[in-house]
Amino acid sequence: MKMNKEMVNWQDLERLGFPPYTAKSIIRQGKAFMVQQGYEFYQGKRVSVIPLKAVKSVIGDIELSSETEE
């Protein structure tokens, strides 16, 4: 099943099968991508949710699928 969310956190990535450290690293890299795009909001330490497009910019345009529906 495809991920239907527009905003993603590290727990969502873990549910897709990424190890905890990798999931958090993807979020960090996605936040940096969003800052480069001009969204300074994502510089905040407590921001832990990023757009799906930022995740795809980090891991590529692969289809994210999950076994559990949210």
C-alpha atoms as a PDB file:
ATOM      1  CA  MET A   1       0.000   0.000   0.000  1.00  0.00           C
ATOM      2  CA  LYS A   2       1.219   3.505  -0.761  1.00  0.00           C
ATOM      3  CA  MET A   3       1.889   6.060   1.913  1.00  0.00           C
ATOM      4  CA  ASN A   4      -1.040   8.467   1.772  1.00  0.00           C
ATOM      5  CA  LYS A   5       0.453  11.062   4.086  1.00  0.00           C
ATOM      6  CA  GLU A   6       1.830  14.382   2.895  1.00  0.00           C
ATOM      7  CA  MET A   7       3.832  14.944   6.100  1.00  0.00           C
ATOM      8  CA  VAL A   8       6.157  12.246   7.473  1.00  0.00           C
ATOM      9  CA  ASN A   9       7.961  11.720  10.788  1.00  0.00           C
ATOM     10  CA  TRP A  10      10.659   9.235  11.765  1.00  0.00           C
ATOM     11  CA  GLN A  11       8.131   6.792  13.233  1.00  0.00           C
ATOM     12  CA  ASP A  12       6.412   6.573   9.850  1.00  0.00           C
ATOM     13  CA  LEU A  13       9.738   5.695   8.252  1.00  0.00           C
ATOM     14  CA  GLU A  14      10.370   3.030  10.890  1.00  0.00           C
ATOM     15  CA  ARG A  15       6.991   1.462  10.091  1.00  0.00           C
ATOM     16  CA  LEU A  16       8.145   1.262   6.472  1.00  0.00           C
ATOM     17  CA  GLY A  17      11.161  -0.796   7.545  1.00  0.00           C
ATOM     18  CA  PHE A  18      13.939   1.737   8.045  1.00  0.00           C
ATOM     19  CA  PRO A  19      16.117   1.229  11.151  1.00  0.00           C
ATOM     20  CA  PRO A  20      15.690   3.939  13.836  1.00  0.00           C
ATOM     21  CA  TYR A  21      18.986   5.720  13.144  1.00  0.00           C
ATOM     22  CA  THR A  22      18.387   5.731   9.391  1.00  0.00           C
ATOM     23  CA  ALA A  23      14.844   7.049   9.801  1.00  0.00           C
ATOM     24  CA  LYS A  24      16.066   9.931  11.980  1.00  0.00           C
ATOM     25  CA  SER A  25      18.902  10.641   9.556  1.00  0.00           C
ATOM     26  CA  ILE A  26      16.448  10.856   6.644  1.00  0.00           C
ATOM     27  CA  ILE A  27      14.387  13.379   8.630  1.00  0.00           C
ATOM     28  CA  ARG A  28      17.527  15.466   9.373  1.00  0.00           C
ATOM     29  CA  GLN A  29      18.557  15.455   5.718  1.00  0.00           C
ATOM     30  CA  GLY A  30      15.006  16.284   4.641  1.00  0.00           C
ATOM     31  CA  LYS A  31      14.942  19.241   7.029  1.00  0.00           C
ATOM     32  CA  ALA A  32      18.211  20.500   5.511  1.00  0.00           C
ATOM     33  CA  PHE A  33      16.665  20.146   2.042  1.00  0.00           C
ATOM     34  CA  MET A  34      13.646  22.211   3.109  1.00  0.00           C
ATOM     35  CA  VAL A  35      15.916  24.935   4.540  1.00  0.00           C
ATOM     36  CA  GLN A  36      17.773  25.042   1.204  1.00  0.00           C
ATOM     37  CA  GLN A  37      14.414  25.509  -0.501  1.00  0.00           C
ATOM     38  CA  GLY A  38      13.855  28.607   1.632  1.00  0.00           C
ATOM     39  CA  TYR A  39      11.658  27.199   4.399  1.00  0.00           C
ATOM     40  CA  GLU A  40      13.553  28.453   7.468  1.00  0.00           C
ATOM     41  CA  PHE A  41      10.887  26.980   9.751  1.00  0.00           C
ATOM     42  CA  TYR A  42      12.606  23.606   9.348  1.00  0.00           C
ATOM     43  CA  GLN A  43      15.764  24.870  11.092  1.00  0.00           C
ATOM     44  CA  GLY A  44      14.024  24.419  14.436  1.00  0.00           C
ATOM     45  CA  LYS A  45      15.250  21.564  16.633  1.00  0.00           C
ATOM     46  CA  ARG A  46      11.758  20.529  17.647  1.00  0.00           C
ATOM     47  CA  VAL A  47      10.427  20.215  14.103  1.00  0.00           C
ATOM     48  CA  SER A  48      10.140  16.481  13.505  1.00  0.00           C
ATOM     49  CA  VAL A  49       7.661  16.298  10.612  1.00  0.00           C
ATOM     50  CA  ILE A  50       8.640  17.011   7.023  1.00  0.00           C
ATOM     51  CA  PRO A  51       6.834  16.888   3.668  1.00  0.00           C
ATOM     52  CA  LEU A  52       6.917  13.637   1.715  1.00  0.00           C
ATOM     53  CA  LYS A  53       8.682  15.476  -1.137  1.00  0.00           C
ATOM     54  CA  ALA A  54      11.625  16.145   1.218  1.00  0.00           C
ATOM     55  CA  VAL A  55      11.847  12.441   2.079  1.00  0.00           C
ATOM     56  CA  LYS A  56      11.807  11.573  -1.616  1.00  0.00           C
ATOM     57  CA  SER A  57      14.609  14.093  -2.252  1.00  0.00           C
ATOM     58  CA  VAL A  58      16.774  12.178   0.243  1.00  0.00           C
ATOM     59  CA  ILE A  59      15.984   8.548  -0.615  1.00  0.00           C
ATOM     60  CA  GLY A  60      14.986   9.003  -4.234  1.00  0.00           C
ATOM     61  CA  ASP A  61      11.632   8.741  -5.926  1.00  0.00           C
ATOM     62  CA  ILE A  62      10.870   5.215  -4.804  1.00  0.00           C
ATOM     63  CA  GLU A  63       7.370   4.114  -3.927  1.00  0.00           C
ATOM     64  CA  LEU A  64       6.971   4.099  -0.180  1.00  0.00           C
ATOM     65  CA  SER A  65       4.729   1.273   0.923  1.00  0.00           C
ATOM     66  CA  SER A  66       3.527   0.108   4.292  1.00  0.00           C
ATOM     67  CA  GLU A  67       1.737  -2.985   5.525  1.00  0.00           C
ATOM     68  CA  THR A  68      -0.385  -1.045   8.014  1.00  0.00           C
ATOM     69  CA  GLU A  69      -2.922   1.590   7.065  1.00  0.00           C
ATOM     70  CA  GLU A  70      -3.098   4.805   9.092  1.00  0.00           C
END
